[in-house]
Amino acid sequence: MQDEPTPEELIKAVADFLRAEIAPQISGHLAFKLRVSINALDLVTRQFAQAQAGDAAEAARLTGLLDMQGTLGELNRALARRIAEGNADLQTPGLADHLWQTTMDKLAVDQPNYAAYKRELEKKGE
């Protein structure tokens, strides 16, 4: 559907409203639950914005590493199997870089304010 507002915009608007209008008026356990809810809405917004590209990049890296086609789930299972069988390890060309980039992509969606993640971005100048 191409109508405005988009689902992402709607979710962001609800999170912004809760953060700006409701959060300042409550305290205690209810305030904690509200913060958890706002964080969940923010996470969904980031998933809409970033997860598809991250998944596509991960699948492309895995396709190259494994020299096979498949869904992201199939490719990850194939990699796990190779690692478990001793046919791949951190010395396998490209594997360490793939694991690192996949972790960074997932942190960008799940925990973009995680201190160690931010430090790594600063090291790379991103």
PDB file of N, CA and C in Angstrom:
ATOM      1  N   MET A   1       0.845  -1.168   0.000  1.00  0.00           N
ATOM      2  CA  MET A   1       0.000   0.000   0.000  1.00  0.00           C
ATOM      3  C   MET A   1       0.894   1.236   0.000  1.00  0.00           C
ATOM      4  N   GLN A   2       0.539   2.242  -0.770  1.00  0.00           N
ATOM      5  CA  GLN A   2       1.379   3.417  -0.918  1.00  0.00           C
ATOM      6  C   GLN A   2       0.786   4.667  -0.287  1.00  0.00           C
ATOM      7  N   ASP A   3      -0.200   4.505   0.552  1.00  0.00           N
ATOM      8  CA  ASP A   3      -0.832   5.653   1.180  1.00  0.00           C
ATOM      9  C   ASP A   3       0.039   6.205   2.293  1.00  0.00           C
ATOM     10  N   GLU A   4      -0.139   7.476   2.546  1.00  0.00           N
ATOM     11  CA  GLU A   4       0.558   8.144   3.638  1.00  0.00           C
ATOM     12  C   GLU A   4      -0.387   8.262   4.823  1.00  0.00           C
ATOM     13  N   PRO A   5       0.056   8.201   6.022  1.00  0.00           N
ATOM     14  CA  PRO A   5       1.428   7.927   6.449  1.00  0.00           C
ATOM     15  C   PRO A   5       1.756   6.443   6.335  1.00  0.00           C
ATOM     16  N   THR A   6       3.050   6.176   6.240  1.00  0.00           N
ATOM     17  CA  THR A   6       3.521   4.797   6.150  1.00  0.00           C
ATOM     18  C   THR A   6       3.428   4.135   7.530  1.00  0.00           C
ATOM     19  N   PRO A   7       3.474   2.813   7.579  1.00  0.00           N
ATOM     20  CA  PRO A   7       3.493   2.143   8.890  1.00  0.00           C
ATOM     21  C   PRO A   7       4.649   2.632   9.764  1.00  0.00           C
ATOM     22  N   GLU A   8       5.790   2.864   9.150  1.00  0.00           N
ATOM     23  CA  GLU A   8       6.940   3.356   9.907  1.00  0.00           C
ATOM     24  C   GLU A   8       6.651   4.716  10.526  1.00  0.00           C
ATOM     25  N   GLU A   9       6.025   5.588   9.745  1.00  0.00           N
ATOM     26  CA  GLU A   9       5.701   6.924  10.251  1.00  0.00           C
ATOM     27  C   GLU A   9       4.674   6.856  11.366  1.00  0.00           C
ATOM     28  N   LEU A  10       3.704   5.960  11.239  1.00  0.00           N
ATOM     29  CA  LEU A  10       2.692   5.807  12.287  1.00  0.00           C
ATOM     30  C   LEU A  10       3.313   5.326  13.590  1.00  0.00           C
ATOM     31  N   ILE A  11       4.158   4.326  13.499  1.00  0.00           N
ATOM     32  CA  ILE A  11       4.800   3.784  14.700  1.00  0.00           C
ATOM     33  C   ILE A  11       5.670   4.853  15.359  1.00  0.00           C
ATOM     34  N   LYS A  12       6.432   5.577  14.546  1.00  0.00           N
ATOM     35  CA  LYS A  12       7.285   6.640  15.087  1.00  0.00           C
ATOM     36  C   LYS A  12       6.437   7.725  15.750  1.00  0.00           C
ATOM     37  N   ALA A  13       5.318   8.087  15.148  1.00  0.00           N
ATOM     38  CA  ALA A  13       4.447   9.118  15.725  1.00  0.00           C
ATOM     39  C   ALA A  13       3.908   8.682  17.087  1.00  0.00           C
ATOM     40  N   VAL A  14       3.518   7.413  17.201  1.00  0.00           N
ATOM     41  CA  VAL A  14       3.013   6.909  18.482  1.00  0.00           C
ATOM     42  C   VAL A  14       4.131   6.938  19.533  1.00  0.00           C
ATOM     43  N   ALA A  15       5.316   6.476  19.155  1.00  0.00           N
ATOM     44  CA  ALA A  15       6.444   6.486  20.101  1.00  0.00           C
ATOM     45  C   ALA A  15       6.778   7.908  20.534  1.00  0.00           C
ATOM     46  N   ASP A  16       6.809   8.829  19.583  1.00  0.00           N
ATOM     47  CA  ASP A  16       7.110  10.227  19.917  1.00  0.00           C
ATOM     48  C   ASP A  16       6.056  10.812  20.852  1.00  0.00           C
ATOM     49  N   PHE A  17       4.783  10.516  20.585  1.00  0.00           N
ATOM     50  CA  PHE A  17       3.702  10.999  21.447  1.00  0.00           C
ATOM     51  C   PHE A  17       3.855  10.452  22.863  1.00  0.00           C
ATOM     52  N   LEU A  18       4.074   9.155  22.979  1.00  0.00           N
ATOM     53  CA  LEU A  18       4.224   8.546  24.299  1.00  0.00           C
ATOM     54  C   LEU A  18       5.418   9.142  25.045  1.00  0.00           C
ATOM     55  N   ARG A  19       6.508   9.327  24.322  1.00  0.00           N
ATOM     56  CA  ARG A  19       7.733   9.860  24.926  1.00  0.00           C
ATOM     57  C   ARG A  19       7.530  11.306  25.391  1.00  0.00           C
ATOM     58  N   ALA A  20       6.915  12.130  24.558  1.00  0.00           N
ATOM     59  CA  ALA A  20       6.804  13.563  24.848  1.00  0.00           C
ATOM     60  C   ALA A  20       5.619  13.918  25.745  1.00  0.00           C
ATOM     61  N   GLU A  21       4.494  13.235  25.561  1.00  0.00           N
ATOM     62  CA  GLU A  21       3.269  13.654  26.253  1.00  0.00           C
ATOM     63  C   GLU A  21       2.904  12.792  27.464  1.00  0.00           C
ATOM     64  N   ILE A  22       3.145  11.515  27.397  1.00  0.00           N
ATOM     65  CA  ILE A  22       2.701  10.612  28.459  1.00  0.00           C
ATOM     66  C   ILE A  22       3.812  10.340  29.473  1.00  0.00           C
ATOM     67  N   ALA A  23       5.015  10.060  28.989  1.00  0.00           N
ATOM     68  CA  ALA A  23       6.119   9.710  29.889  1.00  0.00           C
ATOM     69  C   ALA A  23       6.351  10.731  31.001  1.00  0.00           C
ATOM     70  N   PRO A  24       6.310  12.043  30.713  1.00  0.00           N
ATOM     71  CA  PRO A  24       6.558  13.012  31.792  1.00  0.00           C
ATOM     72  C   PRO A  24       5.481  13.012  32.880  1.00  0.00           C
ATOM     73  N   GLN A  25       4.336  12.404  32.593  1.00  0.00           N
ATOM     74  CA  GLN A  25       3.218  12.468  33.541  1.00  0.00           C
ATOM     75  C   GLN A  25       3.091  11.235  34.434  1.00  0.00           C
ATOM     76  N   ILE A  26       3.907  10.215  34.207  1.00  0.00           N
ATOM     77  CA  ILE A  26       3.771   9.004  35.018  1.00  0.00           C
ATOM     78  C   ILE A  26       5.107   8.646  35.658  1.00  0.00           C
ATOM     79  N   SER A  27       5.022   7.782  36.673  1.00  0.00           N
ATOM     80  CA  SER A  27       6.242   7.369  37.368  1.00  0.00           C
ATOM     81  C   SER A  27       6.102   5.923  37.824  1.00  0.00           C
ATOM     82  N   GLY A  28       7.143   5.453  38.465  1.00  0.00           N
ATOM     83  CA  GLY A  28       7.127   4.116  39.033  1.00  0.00           C
ATOM     84  C   GLY A  28       7.125   3.020  37.985  1.00  0.00           C
ATOM     85  N   HIS A  29       6.485   1.915  38.348  1.00  0.00           N
ATOM     86  CA  HIS A  29       6.479   0.736  37.479  1.00  0.00           C
ATOM     87  C   HIS A  29       5.779   1.006  36.152  1.00  0.00           C
ATOM     88  N   LEU A  30       4.752   1.817  36.176  1.00  0.00           N
ATOM     89  CA  LEU A  30       4.051   2.157  34.940  1.00  0.00           C
ATOM     90  C   LEU A  30       4.971   2.932  33.989  1.00  0.00           C
ATOM     91  N   ALA A  31       5.798   3.809  34.531  1.00  0.00           N
ATOM     92  CA  ALA A  31       6.762   4.542  33.705  1.00  0.00           C
ATOM     93  C   ALA A  31       7.776   3.582  33.094  1.00  0.00           C
ATOM     94  N   PHE A  32       8.202   2.594  33.885  1.00  0.00           N
ATOM     95  CA  PHE A  32       9.121   1.584  33.365  1.00  0.00           C
ATOM     96  C   PHE A  32       8.480   0.832  32.209  1.00  0.00           C
ATOM     97  N   LYS A  33       7.239   0.386  32.378  1.00  0.00           N
ATOM     98  CA  LYS A  33       6.538  -0.331  31.311  1.00  0.00           C
ATOM     99  C   LYS A  33       6.376   0.539  30.074  1.00  0.00           C
ATOM    100  N   LEU A  34       6.140   1.811  30.271  1.00  0.00           N
ATOM    101  CA  LEU A  34       6.023   2.726  29.143  1.00  0.00           C
ATOM    102  C   LEU A  34       7.349   2.834  28.397  1.00  0.00           C
ATOM    103  N   ARG A  35       8.460   2.951  29.126  1.00  0.00           N
ATOM    104  CA  ARG A  35       9.776   3.018  28.470  1.00  0.00           C
ATOM    105  C   ARG A  35      10.058   1.752  27.675  1.00  0.00           C
ATOM    106  N   VAL A  36       9.693   0.597  28.217  1.00  0.00           N
ATOM    107  CA  VAL A  36       9.872  -0.668  27.496  1.00  0.00           C
ATOM    108  C   VAL A  36       9.030  -0.650  26.214  1.00  0.00           C
ATOM    109  N   SER A  37       7.810  -0.162  26.319  1.00  0.00           N
ATOM    110  CA  SER A  37       6.923  -0.092  25.149  1.00  0.00           C
ATOM    111  C   SER A  37       7.468   0.860  24.089  1.00  0.00           C
ATOM    112  N   ILE A  38       7.961   2.006  24.514  1.00  0.00           N
ATOM    113  CA  ILE A  38       8.549   2.962  23.571  1.00  0.00           C
ATOM    114  C   ILE A  38       9.770   2.359  22.898  1.00  0.00           C
ATOM    115  N   ASN A  39      10.598   1.671  23.676  1.00  0.00           N
ATOM    116  CA  ASN A  39      11.774   1.015  23.092  1.00  0.00           C
ATOM    117  C   ASN A  39      11.368  -0.030  22.064  1.00  0.00           C
ATOM    118  N   ALA A  40      10.289  -0.758  22.323  1.00  0.00           N
ATOM    119  CA  ALA A  40       9.807  -1.760  21.359  1.00  0.00           C
ATOM    120  C   ALA A  40       9.339  -1.083  20.071  1.00  0.00           C
ATOM    121  N   LEU A  41       8.632   0.017  20.205  1.00  0.00           N
ATOM    122  CA  LEU A  41       8.190   0.756  19.009  1.00  0.00           C
ATOM    123  C   LEU A  41       9.390   1.293  18.227  1.00  0.00           C
ATOM    124  N   ASP A  42      10.387   1.814  18.939  1.00  0.00           N
ATOM    125  CA  ASP A  42      11.599   2.301  18.270  1.00  0.00           C
ATOM    126  C   ASP A  42      12.319   1.172  17.546  1.00  0.00           C
ATOM    127  N   LEU A  43      12.360  -0.003  18.161  1.00  0.00           N
ATOM    128  CA  LEU A  43      12.988  -1.164  17.544  1.00  0.00           C
ATOM    129  C   LEU A  43      12.270  -1.549  16.253  1.00  0.00           C
ATOM    130  N   VAL A  44      10.952  -1.581  16.281  1.00  0.00           N
ATOM    131  CA  VAL A  44      10.189  -1.929  15.079  1.00  0.00           C
ATOM    132  C   VAL A  44      10.446  -0.901  13.978  1.00  0.00           C
ATOM    133  N   THR A  45      10.533   0.368  14.342  1.00  0.00           N
ATOM    134  CA  THR A  45      10.827   1.407  13.354  1.00  0.00           C
ATOM    135  C   THR A  45      12.184   1.159  12.701  1.00  0.00           C
ATOM    136  N   ARG A  46      13.194   0.830  13.513  1.00  0.00           N
ATOM    137  CA  ARG A  46      14.524   0.539  12.959  1.00  0.00           C
ATOM    138  C   ARG A  46      14.493  -0.716  12.099  1.00  0.00           C
ATOM    139  N   GLN A  47      13.711  -1.719  12.506  1.00  0.00           N
ATOM    140  CA  GLN A  47      13.615  -2.933  11.698  1.00  0.00           C
ATOM    141  C   GLN A  47      13.045  -2.618  10.321  1.00  0.00           C
ATOM    142  N   PHE A  48      11.990  -1.826  10.279  1.00  0.00           N
ATOM    143  CA  PHE A  48      11.428  -1.410   8.995  1.00  0.00           C
ATOM    144  C   PHE A  48      12.489  -0.719   8.137  1.00  0.00           C
ATOM    145  N   ALA A  49      13.266   0.163   8.760  1.00  0.00           N
ATOM    146  CA  ALA A  49      14.203   0.992   8.019  1.00  0.00           C
ATOM    147  C   ALA A  49      15.479   0.264   7.606  1.00  0.00           C
ATOM    148  N   GLN A  50      15.955  -0.682   8.417  1.00  0.00           N
ATOM    149  CA  GLN A  50      17.297  -1.217   8.203  1.00  0.00           C
ATOM    150  C   GLN A  50      17.402  -2.718   8.007  1.00  0.00           C
ATOM    151  N   ALA A  51      16.495  -3.486   8.562  1.00  0.00           N
ATOM    152  CA  ALA A  51      16.688  -4.936   8.598  1.00  0.00           C
ATOM    153  C   ALA A  51      16.707  -5.566   7.213  1.00  0.00           C
ATOM    154  N   GLN A  52      15.876  -5.091   6.303  1.00  0.00           N
ATOM    155  CA  GLN A  52      15.827  -5.707   4.978  1.00  0.00           C
ATOM    156  C   GLN A  52      17.177  -5.582   4.258  1.00  0.00           C
ATOM    157  N   ALA A  53      17.776  -4.404   4.310  1.00  0.00           N
ATOM    158  CA  ALA A  53      19.080  -4.211   3.672  1.00  0.00           C
ATOM    159  C   ALA A  53      20.155  -5.049   4.359  1.00  0.00           C
ATOM    160  N   GLY A  54      20.109  -5.107   5.683  1.00  0.00           N
ATOM    161  CA  GLY A  54      21.081  -5.921   6.417  1.00  0.00           C
ATOM    162  C   GLY A  54      20.950  -7.394   6.092  1.00  0.00           C
ATOM    163  N   ASP A  55      19.708  -7.867   6.008  1.00  0.00           N
ATOM    164  CA  ASP A  55      19.481  -9.279   5.650  1.00  0.00           C
ATOM    165  C   ASP A  55      19.966  -9.576   4.239  1.00  0.00           C
ATOM    166  N   ALA A  56      19.719  -8.657   3.309  1.00  0.00           N
ATOM    167  CA  ALA A  56      20.155  -8.860   1.927  1.00  0.00           C
ATOM    168  C   ALA A  56      21.680  -8.905   1.845  1.00  0.00           C
ATOM    169  N   ALA A  57      22.347  -8.006   2.569  1.00  0.00           N
ATOM    170  CA  ALA A  57      23.812  -7.996   2.573  1.00  0.00           C
ATOM    171  C   ALA A  57      24.363  -9.264   3.215  1.00  0.00           C
ATOM    172  N   GLU A  58      23.723  -9.703   4.294  1.00  0.00           N
ATOM    173  CA  GLU A  58      24.157 -10.941   4.955  1.00  0.00           C
ATOM    174  C   GLU A  58      24.009 -12.126   4.008  1.00  0.00           C
ATOM    175  N   ALA A  59      22.884 -12.216   3.327  1.00  0.00           N
ATOM    176  CA  ALA A  59      22.657 -13.317   2.380  1.00  0.00           C
ATOM    177  C   ALA A  59      23.683 -13.287   1.252  1.00  0.00           C
ATOM    178  N   ALA A  60      24.007 -12.099   0.764  1.00  0.00           N
ATOM    179  CA  ALA A  60      25.000 -11.990  -0.311  1.00  0.00           C
ATOM    180  C   ALA A  60      26.370 -12.448   0.172  1.00  0.00           C
ATOM    181  N   ARG A  61      26.747 -12.042   1.386  1.00  0.00           N
ATOM    182  CA  ARG A  61      28.043 -12.490   1.922  1.00  0.00           C
ATOM    183  C   ARG A  61      28.068 -14.003   2.092  1.00  0.00           C
ATOM    184  N   LEU A  62      26.981 -14.561   2.625  1.00  0.00           N
ATOM    185  CA  LEU A  62      26.920 -16.007   2.831  1.00  0.00           C
ATOM    186  C   LEU A  62      26.954 -16.757   1.508  1.00  0.00           C
ATOM    187  N   THR A  63      26.268 -16.240   0.505  1.00  0.00           N
ATOM    188  CA  THR A  63      26.279 -16.874  -0.814  1.00  0.00           C
ATOM    189  C   THR A  63      27.709 -16.966  -1.333  1.00  0.00           C
ATOM    190  N   GLY A  64      28.470 -15.888  -1.163  1.00  0.00           N
ATOM    191  CA  GLY A  64      29.869 -15.899  -1.591  1.00  0.00           C
ATOM    192  C   GLY A  64      30.734 -16.819  -0.749  1.00  0.00           C
ATOM    193  N   LEU A  65      30.540 -16.793   0.562  1.00  0.00           N
ATOM    194  CA  LEU A  65      31.340 -17.641   1.449  1.00  0.00           C
ATOM    195  C   LEU A  65      31.091 -19.124   1.206  1.00  0.00           C
ATOM    196  N   LEU A  66      29.832 -19.470   1.017  1.00  0.00           N
ATOM    197  CA  LEU A  66      29.445 -20.878   0.942  1.00  0.00           C
ATOM    198  C   LEU A  66      29.393 -21.396  -0.489  1.00  0.00           C
ATOM    199  N   ASP A  67      29.434 -20.480  -1.443  1.00  0.00           N
ATOM    200  CA  ASP A  67      29.311 -20.838  -2.861  1.00  0.00           C
ATOM    201  C   ASP A  67      28.041 -21.649  -3.110  1.00  0.00           C
ATOM    202  N   MET A  68      26.931 -21.129  -2.571  1.00  0.00           N
ATOM    203  CA  MET A  68      25.636 -21.775  -2.767  1.00  0.00           C
ATOM    204  C   MET A  68      24.532 -20.731  -2.654  1.00  0.00           C
ATOM    205  N   GLN A  69      23.377 -21.058  -3.185  1.00  0.00           N
ATOM    206  CA  GLN A  69      22.200 -20.206  -3.108  1.00  0.00           C
ATOM    207  C   GLN A  69      21.259 -20.747  -2.040  1.00  0.00           C
ATOM    208  N   GLY A  70      20.412 -19.873  -1.528  1.00  0.00           N
ATOM    209  CA  GLY A  70      19.411 -20.311  -0.568  1.00  0.00           C
ATOM    210  C   GLY A  70      18.818 -19.119   0.154  1.00  0.00           C
ATOM    211  N   THR A  71      17.832 -19.393   0.992  1.00  0.00           N
ATOM    212  CA  THR A  71      17.280 -18.337   1.823  1.00  0.00           C
ATOM    213  C   THR A  71      18.297 -17.993   2.899  1.00  0.00           C
ATOM    214  N   LEU A  72      18.077 -16.883   3.564  1.00  0.00           N
ATOM    215  CA  LEU A  72      18.991 -16.493   4.635  1.00  0.00           C
ATOM    216  C   LEU A  72      19.059 -17.573   5.710  1.00  0.00           C
ATOM    217  N   GLY A  73      17.925 -18.133   6.064  1.00  0.00           N
ATOM    218  CA  GLY A  73      17.906 -19.206   7.061  1.00  0.00           C
ATOM    219  C   GLY A  73      18.678 -20.426   6.603  1.00  0.00           C
ATOM    220  N   GLU A  74      18.479 -20.818   5.346  1.00  0.00           N
ATOM    221  CA  GLU A  74      19.202 -21.981   4.809  1.00  0.00           C
ATOM    222  C   GLU A  74      20.705 -21.735   4.783  1.00  0.00           C
ATOM    223  N   LEU A  75      21.093 -20.538   4.372  1.00  0.00           N
ATOM    224  CA  LEU A  75      22.518 -20.214   4.309  1.00  0.00           C
ATOM    225  C   LEU A  75      23.147 -20.196   5.700  1.00  0.00           C
ATOM    226  N   ASN A  76      22.453 -19.644   6.667  1.00  0.00           N
ATOM    227  CA  ASN A  76      22.982 -19.638   8.036  1.00  0.00           C
ATOM    228  C   ASN A  76      23.087 -21.043   8.597  1.00  0.00           C
ATOM    229  N   ARG A  77      22.100 -21.888   8.304  1.00  0.00           N
ATOM    230  CA  ARG A  77      22.186 -23.292   8.767  1.00  0.00           C
ATOM    231  C   ARG A  77      23.355 -24.003   8.105  1.00  0.00           C
ATOM    232  N   ALA A  78      23.582 -23.733   6.815  1.00  0.00           N
ATOM    233  CA  ALA A  78      24.709 -24.363   6.114  1.00  0.00           C
ATOM    234  C   ALA A  78      26.036 -23.906   6.720  1.00  0.00           C
ATOM    235  N   LEU A  79      26.146 -22.623   7.039  1.00  0.00           N
ATOM    236  CA  LEU A  79      27.369 -22.135   7.673  1.00  0.00           C
ATOM    237  C   LEU A  79      27.565 -22.770   9.036  1.00  0.00           C
ATOM    238  N   ALA A  80      26.509 -22.823   9.831  1.00  0.00           N
ATOM    239  CA  ALA A  80      26.598 -23.438  11.155  1.00  0.00           C
ATOM    240  C   ALA A  80      27.032 -24.900  11.047  1.00  0.00           C
ATOM    241  N   ARG A  81      26.489 -25.586  10.081  1.00  0.00           N
ATOM    242  CA  ARG A  81      26.851 -26.992   9.870  1.00  0.00           C
ATOM    243  C   ARG A  81      28.338 -27.112   9.523  1.00  0.00           C
ATOM    244  N   ARG A  82      28.816 -26.254   8.627  1.00  0.00           N
ATOM    245  CA  ARG A  82      30.236 -26.300   8.256  1.00  0.00           C
ATOM    246  C   ARG A  82      31.134 -26.018   9.458  1.00  0.00           C
ATOM    247  N   ILE A  83      30.728 -25.062  10.269  1.00  0.00           N
ATOM    248  CA  ILE A  83      31.524 -24.753  11.470  1.00  0.00           C
ATOM    249  C   ILE A  83      31.494 -25.938  12.428  1.00  0.00           C
ATOM    250  N   ALA A  84      30.330 -26.506  12.662  1.00  0.00           N
ATOM    251  CA  ALA A  84      30.198 -27.641  13.584  1.00  0.00           C
ATOM    252  C   ALA A  84      30.996 -28.848  13.106  1.00  0.00           C
ATOM    253  N   GLU A  85      31.065 -29.041  11.800  1.00  0.00           N
ATOM    254  CA  GLU A  85      31.794 -30.186  11.241  1.00  0.00           C
ATOM    255  C   GLU A  85      33.287 -29.918  11.109  1.00  0.00           C
ATOM    256  N   GLY A  86      33.719 -28.696  11.449  1.00  0.00           N
ATOM    257  CA  GLY A  86      35.139 -28.364  11.356  1.00  0.00           C
ATOM    258  C   GLY A  86      35.583 -27.968   9.959  1.00  0.00           C
ATOM    259  N   ASN A  87      34.638 -27.709   9.065  1.00  0.00           N
ATOM    260  CA  ASN A  87      34.974 -27.336   7.690  1.00  0.00           C
ATOM    261  C   ASN A  87      35.075 -25.832   7.486  1.00  0.00           C
ATOM    262  N   ALA A  88      34.833 -25.058   8.534  1.00  0.00           N
ATOM    263  CA  ALA A  88      34.987 -23.604   8.483  1.00  0.00           C
ATOM    264  C   ALA A  88      35.332 -23.122   9.885  1.00  0.00           C
ATOM    265  N   ASP A  89      36.202 -22.113   9.940  1.00  0.00           N
ATOM    266  CA  ASP A  89      36.551 -21.489  11.210  1.00  0.00           C
ATOM    267  C   ASP A  89      36.982 -20.059  10.932  1.00  0.00           C
ATOM    268  N   LEU A  90      37.472 -19.367  11.938  1.00  0.00           N
ATOM    269  CA  LEU A  90      37.831 -17.969  11.756  1.00  0.00           C
ATOM    270  C   LEU A  90      38.986 -17.757  10.792  1.00  0.00           C
ATOM    271  N   GLN A  91      39.673 -18.827  10.432  1.00  0.00           N
ATOM    272  CA  GLN A  91      40.734 -18.726   9.427  1.00  0.00           C
ATOM    273  C   GLN A  91      40.179 -18.830   8.005  1.00  0.00           C
ATOM    274  N   THR A  92      38.916 -19.223   7.869  1.00  0.00           N
ATOM    275  CA  THR A  92      38.286 -19.318   6.554  1.00  0.00           C
ATOM    276  C   THR A  92      38.189 -17.912   5.967  1.00  0.00           C
ATOM    277  N   PRO A  93      38.742 -17.703   4.769  1.00  0.00           N
ATOM    278  CA  PRO A  93      38.726 -16.360   4.177  1.00  0.00           C
ATOM    279  C   PRO A  93      37.316 -15.756   4.139  1.00  0.00           C
ATOM    280  N   GLY A  94      37.213 -14.558   4.709  1.00  0.00           N
ATOM    281  CA  GLY A  94      35.962 -13.819   4.690  1.00  0.00           C
ATOM    282  C   GLY A  94      35.017 -14.105   5.832  1.00  0.00           C
ATOM    283  N   LEU A  95      35.215 -15.200   6.559  1.00  0.00           N
ATOM    284  CA  LEU A  95      34.254 -15.574   7.600  1.00  0.00           C
ATOM    285  C   LEU A  95      34.271 -14.593   8.778  1.00  0.00           C
ATOM    286  N   ALA A  96      35.427 -14.251   9.274  1.00  0.00           N
ATOM    287  CA  ALA A  96      35.493 -13.318  10.411  1.00  0.00           C
ATOM    288  C   ALA A  96      34.876 -11.971  10.034  1.00  0.00           C
ATOM    289  N   ASP A  97      35.192 -11.488   8.835  1.00  0.00           N
ATOM    290  CA  ASP A  97      34.607 -10.217   8.385  1.00  0.00           C
ATOM    291  C   ASP A  97      33.088 -10.319   8.266  1.00  0.00           C
ATOM    292  N   HIS A  98      32.607 -11.442   7.754  1.00  0.00           N
ATOM    293  CA  HIS A  98      31.164 -11.648   7.635  1.00  0.00           C
ATOM    294  C   HIS A  98      30.500 -11.627   9.014  1.00  0.00           C
ATOM    295  N   LEU A  99      31.068 -12.347   9.951  1.00  0.00           N
ATOM    296  CA  LEU A  99      30.489 -12.405  11.292  1.00  0.00           C
ATOM    297  C   LEU A  99      30.489 -11.025  11.948  1.00  0.00           C
ATOM    298  N   TRP A 100      31.581 -10.295  11.775  1.00  0.00           N
ATOM    299  CA  TRP A 100      31.678  -8.960  12.352  1.00  0.00           C
ATOM    300  C   TRP A 100      30.629  -8.033  11.736  1.00  0.00           C
ATOM    301  N   GLN A 101      30.524  -8.022  10.408  1.00  0.00           N
ATOM    302  CA  GLN A 101      29.578  -7.117   9.755  1.00  0.00           C
ATOM    303  C   GLN A 101      28.137  -7.490  10.090  1.00  0.00           C
ATOM    304  N   THR A 102      27.850  -8.774  10.168  1.00  0.00           N
ATOM    305  CA  THR A 102      26.506  -9.220  10.534  1.00  0.00           C
ATOM    306  C   THR A 102      26.168  -8.752  11.942  1.00  0.00           C
ATOM    307  N   THR A 103      27.121  -8.863  12.852  1.00  0.00           N
ATOM    308  CA  THR A 103      26.911  -8.394  14.225  1.00  0.00           C
ATOM    309  C   THR A 103      26.671  -6.892  14.255  1.00  0.00           C
ATOM    310  N   MET A 104      27.464  -6.140  13.531  1.00  0.00           N
ATOM    311  CA  MET A 104      27.298  -4.685  13.502  1.00  0.00           C
ATOM    312  C   MET A 104      25.945  -4.295  12.902  1.00  0.00           C
ATOM    313  N   ASP A 105      25.523  -4.980  11.849  1.00  0.00           N
ATOM    314  CA  ASP A 105      24.222  -4.691  11.235  1.00  0.00           C
ATOM    315  C   ASP A 105      23.083  -4.979  12.206  1.00  0.00           C
ATOM    316  N   LYS A 106      23.199  -6.064  12.948  1.00  0.00           N
ATOM    317  CA  LYS A 106      22.150  -6.408  13.907  1.00  0.00           C
ATOM    318  C   LYS A 106      22.130  -5.429  15.085  1.00  0.00           C
ATOM    319  N   LEU A 107      23.298  -5.012  15.543  1.00  0.00           N
ATOM    320  CA  LEU A 107      23.355  -4.025  16.612  1.00  0.00           C
ATOM    321  C   LEU A 107      22.763  -2.682  16.174  1.00  0.00           C
ATOM    322  N   ALA A 108      22.954  -2.323  14.916  1.00  0.00           N
ATOM    323  CA  ALA A 108      22.380  -1.071  14.406  1.00  0.00           C
ATOM    324  C   ALA A 108      20.869  -1.064  14.554  1.00  0.00           C
ATOM    325  N   VAL A 109      20.255  -2.226  14.435  1.00  0.00           N
ATOM    326  CA  VAL A 109      18.800  -2.337  14.577  1.00  0.00           C
ATOM    327  C   VAL A 109      18.419  -2.537  16.044  1.00  0.00           C
ATOM    328  N   ASP A 110      19.054  -3.484  16.700  1.00  0.00           N
ATOM    329  CA  ASP A 110      18.637  -3.894  18.043  1.00  0.00           C
ATOM    330  C   ASP A 110      19.116  -2.967  19.166  1.00  0.00           C
ATOM    331  N   GLN A 111      20.356  -2.505  19.092  1.00  0.00           N
ATOM    332  CA  GLN A 111      20.955  -1.743  20.193  1.00  0.00           C
ATOM    333  C   GLN A 111      21.840  -0.616  19.663  1.00  0.00           C
ATOM    334  N   PRO A 112      21.298   0.352  18.937  1.00  0.00           N
ATOM    335  CA  PRO A 112      22.148   1.387  18.333  1.00  0.00           C
ATOM    336  C   PRO A 112      22.831   2.297  19.355  1.00  0.00           C
ATOM    337  N   ASN A 113      22.399   2.266  20.598  1.00  0.00           N
ATOM    338  CA  ASN A 113      23.026   3.103  21.626  1.00  0.00           C
ATOM    339  C   ASN A 113      24.001   2.328  22.506  1.00  0.00           C
ATOM    340  N   TYR A 114      24.247   1.072  22.171  1.00  0.00           N
ATOM    341  CA  TYR A 114      25.176   0.237  22.917  1.00  0.00           C
ATOM    342  C   TYR A 114      26.574   0.854  22.820  1.00  0.00           C
ATOM    343  N   ALA A 115      27.208   1.082  23.948  1.00  0.00           N
ATOM    344  CA  ALA A 115      28.471   1.821  23.995  1.00  0.00           C
ATOM    345  C   ALA A 115      29.552   1.192  23.120  1.00  0.00           C
ATOM    346  N   ALA A 116      29.713  -0.119  23.178  1.00  0.00           N
ATOM    347  CA  ALA A 116      30.761  -0.778  22.381  1.00  0.00           C
ATOM    348  C   ALA A 116      30.476  -0.641  20.886  1.00  0.00           C
ATOM    349  N   TYR A 117      29.205  -0.684  20.514  1.00  0.00           N
ATOM    350  CA  TYR A 117      28.821  -0.498  19.108  1.00  0.00           C
ATOM    351  C   TYR A 117      29.208   0.909  18.655  1.00  0.00           C
ATOM    352  N   LYS A 118      28.884   1.902  19.467  1.00  0.00           N
ATOM    353  CA  LYS A 118      29.216   3.282  19.121  1.00  0.00           C
ATOM    354  C   LYS A 118      30.726   3.477  18.993  1.00  0.00           C
ATOM    355  N   ARG A 119      31.505   2.850  19.871  1.00  0.00           N
ATOM    356  CA  ARG A 119      32.962   2.953  19.788  1.00  0.00           C
ATOM    357  C   ARG A 119      33.475   2.379  18.474  1.00  0.00           C
ATOM    358  N   GLU A 120      32.926   1.257  18.065  1.00  0.00           N
ATOM    359  CA  GLU A 120      33.349   0.646  16.809  1.00  0.00           C
ATOM    360  C   GLU A 120      33.004   1.528  15.613  1.00  0.00           C
ATOM    361  N   LEU A 121      31.847   2.163  15.641  1.00  0.00           N
ATOM    362  CA  LEU A 121      31.487   3.089  14.567  1.00  0.00           C
ATOM    363  C   LEU A 121      32.473   4.254  14.509  1.00  0.00           C
ATOM    364  N   GLU A 122      32.843   4.764  15.674  1.00  0.00           N
ATOM    365  CA  GLU A 122      33.786   5.870  15.721  1.00  0.00           C
ATOM    366  C   GLU A 122      35.148   5.452  15.168  1.00  0.00           C
ATOM    367  N   LYS A 123      35.569   4.227  15.450  1.00  0.00           N
ATOM    368  CA  LYS A 123      36.857   3.738  14.919  1.00  0.00           C
ATOM    369  C   LYS A 123      36.851   3.709  13.405  1.00  0.00           C
ATOM    370  N   LYS A 124      35.713   3.340  12.844  1.00  0.00           N
ATOM    371  CA  LYS A 124      35.588   3.225  11.386  1.00  0.00           C
ATOM    372  C   LYS A 124      35.216   4.546  10.739  1.00  0.00           C
ATOM    373  N   GLY A 125      34.933   5.565  11.554  1.00  0.00           N
ATOM    374  CA  GLY A 125      34.568   6.867  11.016  1.00  0.00           C
ATOM    375  C   GLY A 125      33.204   6.913  10.377  1.00  0.00           C
ATOM    376  N   GLU A 126      32.272   6.052  10.852  1.00  0.00           N
ATOM    377  CA  GLU A 126      30.928   6.011  10.270  1.00  0.00           C
ATOM    378  C   GLU A 126      30.016   6.996  10.949  1.00  0.00           C
TER     379      GLU A 126
END
